[in-house]
Protein backbone atom coordinates (compact mmCIF):
# COMPACT_ATOMS: atom_id res chain seq x y z
CA UNK A 1 26.81 126.24 -6.40
CA UNK A 2 25.13 129.24 -7.93
CA UNK A 3 24.76 132.65 -6.36
CA UNK A 4 21.73 134.86 -6.89
CA UNK A 5 22.50 138.53 -6.21
CA UNK A 6 19.61 140.42 -4.60
CA UNK A 7 19.67 144.08 -3.61
CA UNK A 8 17.15 145.68 -1.27
CA UNK A 9 17.37 148.89 0.74
CA UNK A 10 20.85 149.52 -0.73
CA UNK A 11 22.09 146.22 0.72
CA UNK A 12 23.20 143.26 -1.39
CA UNK A 13 22.60 139.63 -0.42
CA UNK A 14 23.96 136.49 -2.01
CA UNK A 15 21.30 133.78 -2.10
CA UNK A 16 23.03 130.42 -2.39
CA UNK A 17 21.52 127.68 -4.58
CA UNK A 18 22.67 124.11 -5.05
CA UNK A 19 21.31 120.58 -5.27
CA UNK A 20 23.56 119.26 -2.50
CA UNK A 21 25.27 120.32 0.70
CA UNK A 22 27.55 123.33 0.22
CA UNK A 23 28.54 123.83 3.84
CA UNK A 24 29.99 120.68 5.34
CA UNK A 25 32.82 122.13 7.43
CA UNK A 26 34.47 125.44 8.29
CA UNK A 27 36.53 125.50 5.08
CA UNK A 28 33.51 125.04 2.81
CA UNK A 29 31.61 127.70 4.78
CA UNK A 30 34.47 130.12 4.21
CA UNK A 31 34.47 129.20 0.50
CA UNK A 32 30.78 130.17 0.33
CA UNK A 33 31.51 133.51 1.99
CA UNK A 34 34.46 134.26 -0.29
CA UNK A 35 32.50 133.24 -3.40
CA UNK A 36 29.70 135.60 -2.39
CA UNK A 37 32.19 138.38 -1.78
CA UNK A 38 33.85 138.01 -5.18
CA UNK A 39 30.87 136.92 -7.30
CA UNK A 40 28.15 139.11 -5.77
CA UNK A 41 30.12 141.81 -3.98
CA UNK A 42 28.65 141.07 -0.56
CA UNK A 43 29.31 139.35 2.75
CA UNK A 44 25.57 138.81 3.36
CA UNK A 45 24.70 135.15 2.83
CA UNK A 46 21.17 133.76 2.52
CA UNK A 47 21.12 129.96 2.54
CA UNK A 48 18.65 127.14 3.04
CA UNK A 49 19.38 124.91 6.00
CA UNK A 50 19.09 121.98 3.59
CA UNK A 51 22.42 123.09 2.08
CA UNK A 52 24.20 122.84 5.44
CA UNK A 53 25.41 119.61 7.03
CA UNK A 54 23.19 118.39 9.85
CA UNK A 55 26.23 118.43 12.19
CA UNK A 56 25.95 122.22 12.20
CA UNK A 57 22.68 121.91 14.15
CA UNK A 58 24.20 119.55 16.74
CA UNK A 59 25.89 122.12 18.94
CA UNK A 60 28.08 119.56 20.71
CA UNK A 61 30.07 119.08 17.47
CA UNK A 62 31.30 122.67 17.74
CA UNK A 63 30.81 123.15 14.00
CA UNK A 64 28.26 125.96 14.28
CA UNK A 65 30.52 127.93 16.60
CA UNK A 66 33.55 127.40 14.38
CA UNK A 67 31.73 128.44 11.20
CA UNK A 68 29.96 131.43 12.69
CA UNK A 69 33.16 132.66 14.32
CA UNK A 70 34.86 132.60 10.91
CA UNK A 71 31.97 134.55 9.41
CA UNK A 72 32.16 137.18 12.13
CA UNK A 73 35.96 137.42 11.78
CA UNK A 74 35.64 137.99 8.02
CA UNK A 75 32.76 140.46 8.31
CA UNK A 76 30.19 137.98 7.07
CA UNK A 77 26.53 137.87 8.00
CA UNK A 78 24.31 134.86 7.40
CA UNK A 79 20.61 134.12 7.41
CA UNK A 80 19.72 130.44 7.37
CA UNK A 81 16.15 129.60 6.46
CA UNK A 82 14.17 126.42 6.93
CA UNK A 83 12.01 124.43 9.28
CA UNK A 84 13.48 124.19 12.78
CA UNK A 85 10.44 122.67 14.46
CA UNK A 86 11.85 119.13 14.52
CA UNK A 87 14.74 120.16 16.76
CA UNK A 88 14.08 119.51 20.44
CA UNK A 89 17.46 120.50 21.86
CA UNK A 90 17.06 123.31 24.38
CA UNK A 91 20.64 124.54 23.80
CA UNK A 92 19.96 124.77 20.05
CA UNK A 93 16.67 126.58 20.59
CA UNK A 94 18.45 129.01 22.95
CA UNK A 95 21.25 129.47 20.40
CA UNK A 96 18.76 130.26 17.64
CA UNK A 97 16.86 132.71 19.85
CA UNK A 98 20.03 134.52 20.94
CA UNK A 99 21.39 134.64 17.39
CA UNK A 100 18.18 136.20 16.14
CA UNK A 101 18.58 139.00 18.70
CA UNK A 102 21.90 140.02 17.17
CA UNK A 103 22.79 141.55 13.83
CA UNK A 104 24.99 138.95 12.13
CA UNK A 105 23.35 135.51 12.32
CA UNK A 106 19.69 134.69 11.79
CA UNK A 107 17.61 131.52 11.73
CA UNK A 108 14.25 132.09 10.05
CA UNK A 109 11.55 130.04 8.38
CA UNK A 110 11.71 131.19 4.76
CA UNK A 111 13.87 132.81 2.10
CA UNK A 112 12.02 136.14 2.09
CA UNK A 113 12.41 136.48 5.85
CA UNK A 114 16.11 135.70 5.52
CA UNK A 115 16.59 138.42 2.91
CA UNK A 116 14.59 140.86 5.04
CA UNK A 117 16.75 140.21 8.12
CA UNK A 118 19.93 141.10 6.23
CA UNK A 119 18.54 144.11 4.38
CA UNK A 120 16.69 146.08 7.03
């Protein structure tokens, strides 16, 4: 995993890069947050959905809730970017919509949008 440090509007984001999945469970998600905190000096995570296990997007697994609760508890914010059009689950669509109304968790279509959501 590599971390790209980006600063905009006096806010730093850690853009996560890797060739494989970096978030597969709550522990690995917390590792990403702590790595960003120590390597980039931020709790703002920008990550492609391709780097997150597909179980995260199946709400019945409880993984999304567990991970996002840890992020909130540790002061983390996350913007996940990618194509969500293939998902047909109404609960997931509702979850994404409600998350995007908040200030800590965002689901957007591309990297630039993700950075913008965390640095406005």
